[in-house]
Amino acid sequence: MDQLLVSYCEGWDAGGRRAVGPLSAARAEERDRDGEQYTVLLSLGERPTATIDVAWTEHYCAVWLFDERLRRRYQAEFRRLAQDRMFLAHARRWDYGDDAQAEFDERAVTRTVTISLDGRMTIEDRPEGRCGGLAVTNQNVSPEDCWDVVPVFGEWRRLVETVFRAIGYDAAPDLVLHDASDPQGQGLSADERPWRPPRPLRPAPLEPMFAKGTRYRLEHGAEVVVETRQAGALRMTSGMPAAADPGWLRPDVAPFTAAVAAGEYPVELSLIRFAAEPGHRRVAAARLTVRDEPVASWELALRPDQDPRLLGDGEFFGFGVDAGMGCFVDAEAAEALADIVEETYEDAFEDLLSDQAVEVSDPATGANLIAFPSGWGDGAYPTWIGRTTDGEVACFVADMLVLHTATMLS
């Protein structure tokens, strides 16, 4: 019967292939209670076998398994979505070609599996590493099979067995867990820790994007200045706002979970004008104002089927653009407006300039959409909800991410 040694630390140092920042079991348990991050190191004798990275405040738990060369080869990433249950959101595998290949080498053969809450599974294979081609397959699994119990601190056996089964082993070895923690271990300061939990995209400061005269330096060095332009008023018959590509209003456009009163609300464009090319403008963002009040906080706009706790580092839920345009629209009115867009598309959008807005209306209901160019073009873009100090919706901002990495100069 093998003995599995359990100790606690700040994480795994890939370069040194060793654990760093020892933690006492008591200190690690305190972090677990407080939701702060820590790492569990599991070793068979002198050889590290796996780590478990935990950060409950970020709803995060990831198990890593090592190969014989102490390279991380498998990862199972869980998200805690209920008090006592967590969901297997991602599984990753790296196959190294030889013993000299570095951990996560770009030539390593990789497989990444992403699972949604409804059981849709996407498998991405790179048989030649990151420099080669990508093969994507989709299939469905039982969502219930992707849930597991949140481990009580110190009770790691079930989690290890679950991951062993997930990577193809019939069962985990017959193990006895033994605490091998450093009783004096106090860990490292936050900026010295070798890992951090994934953090979804957060908005850049949005108010300056709508302040005329604000100057930025873009990531590639160009200097731009903000201009603003009124784009019209969005008329909503149901008060269920959505952002979408106006050329793709079918299938059904899902509304944001934050509804507002039916009515008419102004839309304003944030434009950037290039200092070296005064005639060159781009739409950086579009704002739908619900209340003319200061914004106290920002959050990502979500559809009913989206859970932000599943997002990875820098990820977001957004609306897709395939025709270089986005729009605000009442979700209930989208289907009728889709018919009108299809009938008038060439007249309405073909000559759309990079800094203009277009309105399409349904004469039967009075509902409309306000369309605008999507910054640099096609892609996916987030919408942020601004809330007042009372928590009421003040505005929606469709962010074209043009200024997300820019430096504000004044």
Protein backbone atom coordinates (compact mmCIF):
# COMPACT_ATOMS: atom_id res chain seq x y z
CA MET A 1 0.00 0.00 0.00
CA ASP A 2 1.54 3.32 -1.11
CA GLN A 3 1.72 6.33 1.17
CA LEU A 4 0.70 9.67 -0.35
CA LEU A 5 2.39 12.56 1.43
CA VAL A 6 0.30 15.70 1.72
CA SER A 7 1.87 19.11 2.31
CA TYR A 8 0.89 22.72 1.69
CA CYS A 9 2.66 25.54 -0.11
CA GLU A 10 2.21 28.61 -2.31
CA GLY A 11 2.53 26.68 -5.55
CA TRP A 12 4.76 24.93 -8.04
CA ASP A 13 7.88 26.54 -9.51
CA ALA A 14 8.04 25.24 -13.10
CA GLY A 15 11.62 26.40 -13.64
CA GLY A 16 13.00 24.78 -10.52
CA ARG A 17 10.50 21.90 -10.69
CA ARG A 18 9.79 22.17 -7.00
CA ALA A 19 7.20 23.46 -4.57
CA VAL A 20 7.82 26.92 -3.10
CA GLY A 21 6.58 28.82 -0.06
CA PRO A 22 5.85 26.07 2.48
CA LEU A 23 2.68 26.50 4.51
CA SER A 24 1.74 24.82 7.73
CA ALA A 25 -1.46 22.81 7.63
CA ALA A 26 -3.02 25.28 10.07
CA ARG A 27 -2.09 28.26 7.88
CA ALA A 28 -3.42 26.54 4.75
CA GLU A 29 -6.66 25.64 6.51
CA GLU A 30 -7.06 29.25 7.58
CA ARG A 31 -6.68 30.35 3.95
CA ASP A 32 -9.20 27.73 2.89
CA ARG A 33 -11.76 29.14 5.34
CA ASP A 34 -11.06 32.68 4.16
CA GLY A 35 -11.23 31.73 0.47
CA GLU A 36 -7.59 32.74 -0.10
CA GLN A 37 -5.34 30.82 -2.46
CA TYR A 38 -2.98 28.01 -1.51
CA THR A 39 -1.64 24.80 -3.04
CA VAL A 40 -1.73 21.19 -1.91
CA LEU A 41 1.34 19.13 -2.86
CA LEU A 42 0.87 15.36 -3.16
CA SER A 43 3.98 13.18 -3.28
CA LEU A 44 4.70 9.47 -3.51
CA GLY A 45 7.79 9.14 -1.40
CA GLU A 46 10.23 11.80 -2.58
CA ARG A 47 8.58 12.32 -5.95
CA PRO A 48 5.89 15.01 -6.39
CA THR A 49 2.87 13.48 -8.10
CA ALA A 50 0.23 16.22 -8.19
CA THR A 51 -0.74 19.64 -6.96
CA ILE A 52 -4.15 21.07 -6.17
CA ASP A 53 -4.46 24.84 -6.55
CA VAL A 54 -7.32 26.27 -4.48
CA ALA A 55 -8.82 29.78 -4.43
CA TRP A 56 -12.42 29.61 -3.25
CA THR A 57 -13.03 33.37 -3.41
CA GLU A 58 -12.44 33.00 -7.16
CA HIS A 59 -14.56 29.78 -7.26
CA TYR A 60 -11.43 27.98 -8.47
CA CYS A 61 -9.83 24.58 -7.93
CA ALA A 62 -7.38 22.95 -10.34
CA VAL A 63 -5.60 19.59 -10.12
CA TRP A 64 -2.27 19.13 -11.91
CA LEU A 65 -0.58 15.76 -12.47
CA PHE A 66 3.14 15.42 -13.18
CA ASP A 67 5.04 13.12 -15.50
CA GLU A 68 8.27 11.33 -14.58
CA ARG A 69 10.30 14.45 -15.45
CA LEU A 70 8.18 16.59 -13.08
CA ARG A 71 6.53 18.39 -15.96
CA ARG A 72 2.86 19.16 -15.54
CA ARG A 73 1.05 16.96 -18.00
CA TYR A 74 -2.64 16.94 -17.01
CA GLN A 75 -4.90 19.61 -15.59
CA ALA A 76 -8.50 19.39 -14.43
CA GLU A 77 -10.04 22.79 -13.69
CA PHE A 78 -13.13 22.98 -11.52
CA ARG A 79 -15.37 25.93 -10.70
CA ARG A 80 -17.28 26.06 -7.44
CA LEU A 81 -20.81 26.98 -8.49
CA ALA A 82 -22.64 25.87 -5.34
CA GLN A 83 -21.74 25.70 -1.68
CA ASP A 84 -20.86 22.01 -1.80
CA ARG A 85 -20.50 21.28 -5.54
CA MET A 86 -18.03 22.20 -8.23
CA PHE A 87 -18.13 21.76 -12.00
CA LEU A 88 -15.38 20.37 -14.25
CA ALA A 89 -15.11 23.25 -16.72
CA HIS A 90 -11.81 22.43 -18.45
CA ALA A 91 -9.42 19.51 -18.87
CA ARG A 92 -6.03 19.84 -20.53
CA ARG A 93 -3.26 17.45 -21.57
CA TRP A 94 0.28 17.97 -22.84
CA ASP A 95 2.21 15.16 -24.53
CA TYR A 96 5.94 15.83 -24.64
CA GLY A 97 8.04 14.44 -27.48
CA ASP A 98 11.16 13.66 -25.45
CA ASP A 99 12.65 14.01 -21.99
CA ALA A 100 14.44 17.26 -22.88
CA GLN A 101 11.30 19.08 -23.93
CA ALA A 102 10.39 21.91 -21.53
CA GLU A 103 7.10 22.05 -19.69
CA PHE A 104 4.37 23.53 -21.91
CA ASP A 105 6.81 23.66 -24.84
CA GLU A 106 5.09 25.05 -27.93
CA ARG A 107 5.87 21.80 -29.77
CA ALA A 108 4.03 19.67 -27.21
CA VAL A 109 0.94 17.90 -28.50
CA THR A 110 -2.05 19.30 -26.66
CA ARG A 111 -5.70 18.56 -26.06
CA THR A 112 -8.04 21.08 -24.42
CA VAL A 113 -11.56 20.12 -23.40
CA THR A 114 -14.13 22.75 -22.47
CA ILE A 115 -17.49 21.74 -21.00
CA SER A 116 -20.55 23.95 -20.70
CA LEU A 117 -23.19 23.61 -18.01
CA ASP A 118 -25.64 22.02 -20.44
CA GLY A 119 -23.16 19.26 -21.35
CA ARG A 120 -21.79 20.63 -24.61
CA MET A 121 -18.16 19.60 -24.90
CA THR A 122 -15.62 21.21 -27.23
CA ILE A 123 -12.35 19.36 -27.85
CA GLU A 124 -9.41 21.20 -29.36
CA ASP A 125 -6.49 19.07 -30.57
CA ARG A 126 -3.14 20.41 -31.71
CA PRO A 127 -1.25 17.34 -33.01
CA GLU A 128 1.80 19.42 -33.90
CA GLY A 129 1.76 21.78 -30.95
CA ARG A 130 0.86 25.46 -30.92
CA CYS A 131 2.70 26.07 -34.20
CA GLY A 132 0.61 23.52 -36.09
CA GLY A 133 -3.00 23.07 -37.08
CA LEU A 134 -6.05 22.96 -34.85
CA ALA A 135 -8.77 20.31 -35.01
CA VAL A 136 -12.03 21.05 -33.19
CA THR A 137 -14.73 18.49 -32.44
CA ASN A 138 -17.95 18.83 -30.48
CA GLN A 139 -19.98 16.31 -28.58
CA ASN A 140 -22.45 16.10 -25.72
CA VAL A 141 -21.94 14.57 -22.30
CA SER A 142 -24.18 14.20 -19.28
CA PRO A 143 -23.79 17.44 -17.29
CA GLU A 144 -24.29 15.56 -14.05
CA ASP A 145 -21.12 13.55 -14.73
CA CYS A 146 -19.14 16.79 -14.66
CA TRP A 147 -20.08 17.75 -11.13
CA ASP A 148 -18.11 16.77 -8.04
CA VAL A 149 -18.23 17.40 -4.33
CA VAL A 150 -16.23 20.35 -2.98
CA PRO A 151 -13.50 18.73 -0.89
CA VAL A 152 -13.41 19.42 2.82
CA PHE A 153 -9.97 20.70 3.76
CA GLY A 154 -7.60 17.75 4.17
CA GLU A 155 -9.89 15.21 2.50
CA TRP A 156 -8.21 15.07 -0.92
CA ARG A 157 -8.60 11.39 -1.81
CA ARG A 158 -11.90 11.69 -3.70
CA LEU A 159 -10.62 14.56 -5.83
CA VAL A 160 -7.44 12.71 -6.75
CA GLU A 161 -9.38 9.59 -7.65
CA THR A 162 -11.80 11.63 -9.78
CA VAL A 163 -8.96 13.13 -11.80
CA PHE A 164 -7.18 9.78 -12.19
CA ARG A 165 -10.37 8.37 -13.69
CA ALA A 166 -10.85 11.43 -15.92
CA ILE A 167 -7.45 10.93 -17.57
CA GLY A 168 -8.08 7.28 -18.28
CA TYR A 169 -6.83 5.33 -15.28
CA ASP A 170 -9.23 2.64 -14.09
CA ALA A 171 -8.74 3.70 -10.48
CA ALA A 172 -6.36 5.62 -8.29
CA PRO A 173 -3.65 3.61 -6.54
CA ASP A 174 -4.48 2.22 -3.12
CA LEU A 175 -3.15 5.15 -1.14
CA VAL A 176 -2.83 6.20 2.47
CA LEU A 177 -2.67 9.97 2.96
CA HIS A 178 -0.10 11.28 5.44
CA ASP A 179 0.37 14.92 6.49
CA ALA A 180 3.96 15.99 5.74
CA SER A 181 3.48 19.76 6.11
CA ASP A 182 6.11 22.11 7.46
CA PRO A 183 4.66 23.16 10.85
CA GLN A 184 6.56 26.48 10.65
CA GLY A 185 5.62 27.32 7.08
CA GLN A 186 4.19 30.86 6.67
CA GLY A 187 4.20 31.11 2.86
CA LEU A 188 5.11 34.07 0.69
CA SER A 189 3.80 37.58 0.12
CA ALA A 190 1.07 37.90 -2.50
CA ASP A 191 3.40 39.28 -5.19
CA GLU A 192 5.87 36.40 -4.72
CA ARG A 193 3.36 33.61 -5.28
CA PRO A 194 3.98 31.55 -8.44
CA TRP A 195 0.38 31.46 -9.62
CA ARG A 196 -2.89 33.34 -9.41
CA PRO A 197 -6.43 32.21 -10.18
CA PRO A 198 -7.85 33.16 -13.59
CA ARG A 199 -9.58 36.51 -13.66
CA PRO A 200 -12.14 37.39 -16.34
CA LEU A 201 -11.78 40.58 -18.35
CA ARG A 202 -12.50 43.77 -16.45
CA PRO A 203 -13.40 47.02 -18.20
CA ALA A 204 -10.89 49.76 -18.78
CA PRO A 205 -12.11 53.09 -17.34
CA LEU A 206 -15.23 53.73 -19.40
CA GLU A 207 -16.25 57.26 -18.42
CA PRO A 208 -13.18 58.87 -20.11
CA MET A 209 -14.14 57.15 -23.36
CA PHE A 210 -17.19 59.42 -23.48
CA ALA A 211 -15.40 62.58 -22.35
CA LYS A 212 -14.69 64.73 -25.41
CA GLY A 213 -11.01 65.61 -25.71
CA THR A 214 -9.61 62.66 -23.74
CA ARG A 215 -6.32 61.63 -25.33
CA TYR A 216 -4.93 58.12 -25.56
CA ARG A 217 -1.89 56.37 -26.93
CA LEU A 218 -2.85 53.08 -28.56
CA GLU A 219 -0.84 49.95 -28.00
CA HIS A 220 0.93 50.30 -31.36
CA GLY A 221 1.89 53.92 -30.56
CA ALA A 222 -0.68 56.04 -32.42
CA GLU A 223 -2.16 58.96 -30.47
CA VAL A 224 -5.91 59.53 -30.65
CA VAL A 225 -8.44 61.94 -29.18
CA VAL A 226 -12.02 61.17 -28.13
CA GLU A 227 -15.00 62.65 -29.90
CA THR A 228 -18.63 61.83 -29.19
CA ARG A 229 -21.69 61.66 -31.38
CA GLN A 230 -25.38 61.17 -30.65
CA ALA A 231 -26.60 58.08 -32.48
CA GLY A 232 -30.33 58.38 -31.88
CA ALA A 233 -32.78 56.90 -29.41
CA LEU A 234 -33.43 53.21 -28.89
CA ARG A 235 -37.15 52.48 -28.59
CA MET A 236 -37.83 49.34 -26.57
CA THR A 237 -41.28 47.82 -26.34
CA SER A 238 -40.38 45.16 -23.76
CA GLY A 239 -37.44 46.70 -21.93
CA MET A 240 -35.24 43.68 -22.63
CA PRO A 241 -32.06 45.14 -24.14
CA ALA A 242 -29.57 43.11 -26.14
CA ALA A 243 -26.42 43.74 -28.17
CA ALA A 244 -25.87 41.87 -31.43
CA ASP A 245 -24.66 42.01 -35.00
CA PRO A 246 -27.61 43.61 -36.88
CA GLY A 247 -27.02 41.23 -39.75
CA TRP A 248 -27.44 38.21 -37.46
CA LEU A 249 -30.65 38.75 -35.51
CA ARG A 250 -31.62 35.11 -36.07
CA PRO A 251 -31.76 32.75 -34.28
CA ASP A 252 -33.43 34.50 -31.39
CA VAL A 253 -31.44 37.29 -29.82
CA ALA A 254 -31.13 36.59 -26.10
CA PRO A 255 -31.70 39.61 -23.84
CA PHE A 256 -29.43 40.66 -21.02
CA THR A 257 -30.55 39.51 -17.58
CA ALA A 258 -30.76 43.18 -16.52
CA ALA A 259 -34.09 44.46 -17.81
CA VAL A 260 -35.27 48.08 -17.79
CA ALA A 261 -38.62 49.79 -18.22
CA ALA A 262 -39.97 49.88 -21.75
CA GLY A 263 -39.35 53.25 -23.33
CA GLU A 264 -36.97 55.38 -25.34
CA TYR A 265 -33.31 55.76 -24.38
CA PRO A 266 -30.48 57.77 -26.00
CA VAL A 267 -27.48 56.07 -27.60
CA GLU A 268 -24.14 57.85 -27.84
CA LEU A 269 -20.99 56.83 -29.70
CA SER A 270 -17.44 57.23 -28.45
CA LEU A 271 -15.17 57.90 -31.42
CA ILE A 272 -11.41 58.10 -31.57
CA ARG A 273 -9.83 60.49 -34.07
CA PHE A 274 -6.22 59.79 -35.04
CA ALA A 275 -3.97 62.78 -34.40
CA ALA A 276 -1.77 61.99 -37.41
CA GLU A 277 -4.80 61.31 -39.67
CA PRO A 278 -7.57 63.74 -38.70
CA GLY A 279 -9.98 62.15 -41.14
CA HIS A 280 -9.54 58.69 -39.65
CA ARG A 281 -12.09 57.82 -36.94
CA ARG A 282 -13.17 54.61 -35.29
CA VAL A 283 -16.03 53.75 -32.94
CA ALA A 284 -14.53 52.79 -29.58
CA ALA A 285 -17.78 52.18 -27.70
CA ALA A 286 -21.53 52.79 -27.74
CA ARG A 287 -23.50 53.80 -24.65
CA LEU A 288 -27.20 53.24 -24.05
CA THR A 289 -28.18 55.57 -21.20
CA VAL A 290 -31.05 54.50 -18.94
CA ARG A 291 -30.53 56.99 -16.08
CA ASP A 292 -28.50 60.16 -16.30
CA GLU A 293 -26.79 59.44 -12.98
CA PRO A 294 -23.17 58.73 -11.98
CA VAL A 295 -22.02 55.13 -12.32
CA ALA A 296 -20.80 53.61 -9.06
CA SER A 297 -19.89 50.15 -10.35
CA TRP A 298 -19.49 48.15 -13.55
CA GLU A 299 -20.35 44.53 -14.30
CA LEU A 300 -20.41 42.30 -17.36
CA ALA A 301 -23.79 42.11 -19.09
CA LEU A 302 -24.96 38.49 -19.17
CA ARG A 303 -27.57 36.41 -20.92
CA PRO A 304 -29.66 33.96 -18.84
CA ASP A 305 -27.48 30.96 -19.81
CA GLN A 306 -24.16 32.56 -18.84
CA ASP A 307 -22.27 32.19 -15.56
CA PRO A 308 -19.24 34.49 -15.20
CA ARG A 309 -17.64 32.10 -12.70
CA LEU A 310 -16.82 29.81 -15.63
CA LEU A 311 -14.74 32.42 -17.45
CA GLY A 312 -11.00 32.01 -17.79
CA ASP A 313 -8.24 34.56 -17.54
CA GLY A 314 -9.09 37.63 -19.62
CA GLU A 315 -12.24 35.99 -21.01
CA PHE A 316 -15.70 37.53 -21.31
CA PHE A 317 -19.17 36.79 -22.60
CA GLY A 318 -19.99 39.09 -25.47
CA PHE A 319 -21.80 39.47 -28.77
CA GLY A 320 -20.27 38.20 -31.99
CA VAL A 321 -19.72 40.43 -35.00
CA ASP A 322 -19.36 39.02 -38.50
CA ALA A 323 -20.25 42.05 -40.60
CA GLY A 324 -18.23 44.79 -38.92
CA MET A 325 -21.24 46.16 -37.01
CA GLY A 326 -22.93 45.91 -33.66
CA CYS A 327 -26.27 47.22 -32.46
CA PHE A 328 -28.49 47.78 -29.46
CA VAL A 329 -31.94 46.28 -29.88
CA ASP A 330 -34.96 45.21 -27.85
CA ALA A 331 -34.74 41.41 -27.83
CA GLU A 332 -38.49 41.03 -28.21
CA ALA A 333 -38.45 43.18 -31.36
CA ALA A 334 -35.39 41.54 -32.93
CA GLU A 335 -37.21 38.97 -35.06
CA ALA A 336 -39.44 41.54 -36.77
CA LEU A 337 -36.48 43.87 -37.25
CA ALA A 338 -34.49 40.99 -38.78
CA ASP A 339 -37.02 40.83 -41.62
CA ILE A 340 -36.69 44.56 -42.22
CA VAL A 341 -32.89 44.44 -42.09
CA GLU A 342 -32.84 41.65 -44.67
CA GLU A 343 -35.08 43.65 -47.00
CA THR A 344 -33.15 46.93 -46.65
CA TYR A 345 -29.63 45.72 -45.84
CA GLU A 346 -27.85 47.15 -48.86
CA ASP A 347 -29.54 50.53 -48.63
CA ALA A 348 -29.15 50.81 -44.85
CA PHE A 349 -25.65 49.44 -44.27
CA GLU A 350 -23.63 49.17 -47.45
CA ASP A 351 -22.31 52.73 -47.27
CA LEU A 352 -21.97 52.78 -43.48
CA LEU A 353 -18.88 54.81 -42.60
CA SER A 354 -16.48 53.91 -39.80
CA ASP A 355 -17.87 56.64 -37.53
CA GLN A 356 -21.62 56.65 -38.31
CA ALA A 357 -24.72 55.07 -36.82
CA VAL A 358 -27.76 53.63 -38.59
CA GLU A 359 -31.32 53.30 -37.33
CA VAL A 360 -33.72 50.60 -38.55
CA SER A 361 -37.35 50.84 -37.38
CA ASP A 362 -40.38 48.57 -37.35
CA PRO A 363 -43.35 50.74 -38.41
CA ALA A 364 -45.80 48.26 -36.94
CA THR A 365 -44.54 48.55 -33.35
CA GLY A 366 -42.26 51.59 -33.34
CA ALA A 367 -39.38 49.49 -32.02
CA ASN A 368 -35.99 50.06 -33.62
CA LEU A 369 -32.34 49.17 -33.50
CA ILE A 370 -29.34 51.47 -33.42
CA ALA A 371 -26.39 50.03 -35.34
CA PHE A 372 -22.78 51.22 -35.25
CA PRO A 373 -19.41 50.11 -36.67
CA SER A 374 -17.51 47.69 -34.42
CA GLY A 375 -14.16 49.35 -33.89
CA TRP A 376 -11.54 47.38 -35.84
CA GLY A 377 -14.15 45.04 -37.35
CA ASP A 378 -15.27 41.47 -36.76
CA GLY A 379 -14.80 39.65 -33.47
CA ALA A 380 -16.52 39.38 -30.11
CA TYR A 381 -17.17 42.32 -27.82
CA PRO A 382 -18.38 42.70 -24.22
CA THR A 383 -21.15 44.90 -22.96
CA TRP A 384 -20.77 46.45 -19.51
CA ILE A 385 -23.60 47.47 -17.21
CA GLY A 386 -23.09 50.63 -15.18
CA ARG A 387 -25.04 50.77 -11.92
CA THR A 388 -25.83 53.68 -9.62
CA THR A 389 -25.04 53.74 -5.89
CA ASP A 390 -28.55 52.31 -5.36
CA GLY A 391 -27.83 49.41 -7.70
CA GLU A 392 -30.11 50.64 -10.46
CA VAL A 393 -29.07 50.29 -14.11
CA ALA A 394 -27.60 53.57 -15.31
CA CYS A 395 -26.34 52.49 -18.72
CA PHE A 396 -25.09 49.75 -21.03
CA VAL A 397 -21.75 50.21 -22.82
CA ALA A 398 -20.87 48.05 -25.83
CA ASP A 399 -17.07 48.09 -25.69
CA MET A 400 -15.24 47.60 -28.99
CA LEU A 401 -12.00 47.04 -27.00
CA VAL A 402 -10.25 49.68 -29.09
CA LEU A 403 -9.05 51.46 -25.95
CA HIS A 404 -8.81 48.50 -23.60
CA THR A 405 -5.00 48.35 -23.70
CA ALA A 406 -4.48 52.03 -24.54
CA THR A 407 -2.70 54.48 -22.24
CA MET A 408 -4.75 57.51 -21.24
CA LEU A 409 -2.67 60.68 -21.70
CA SER A 410 -5.09 63.37 -20.54
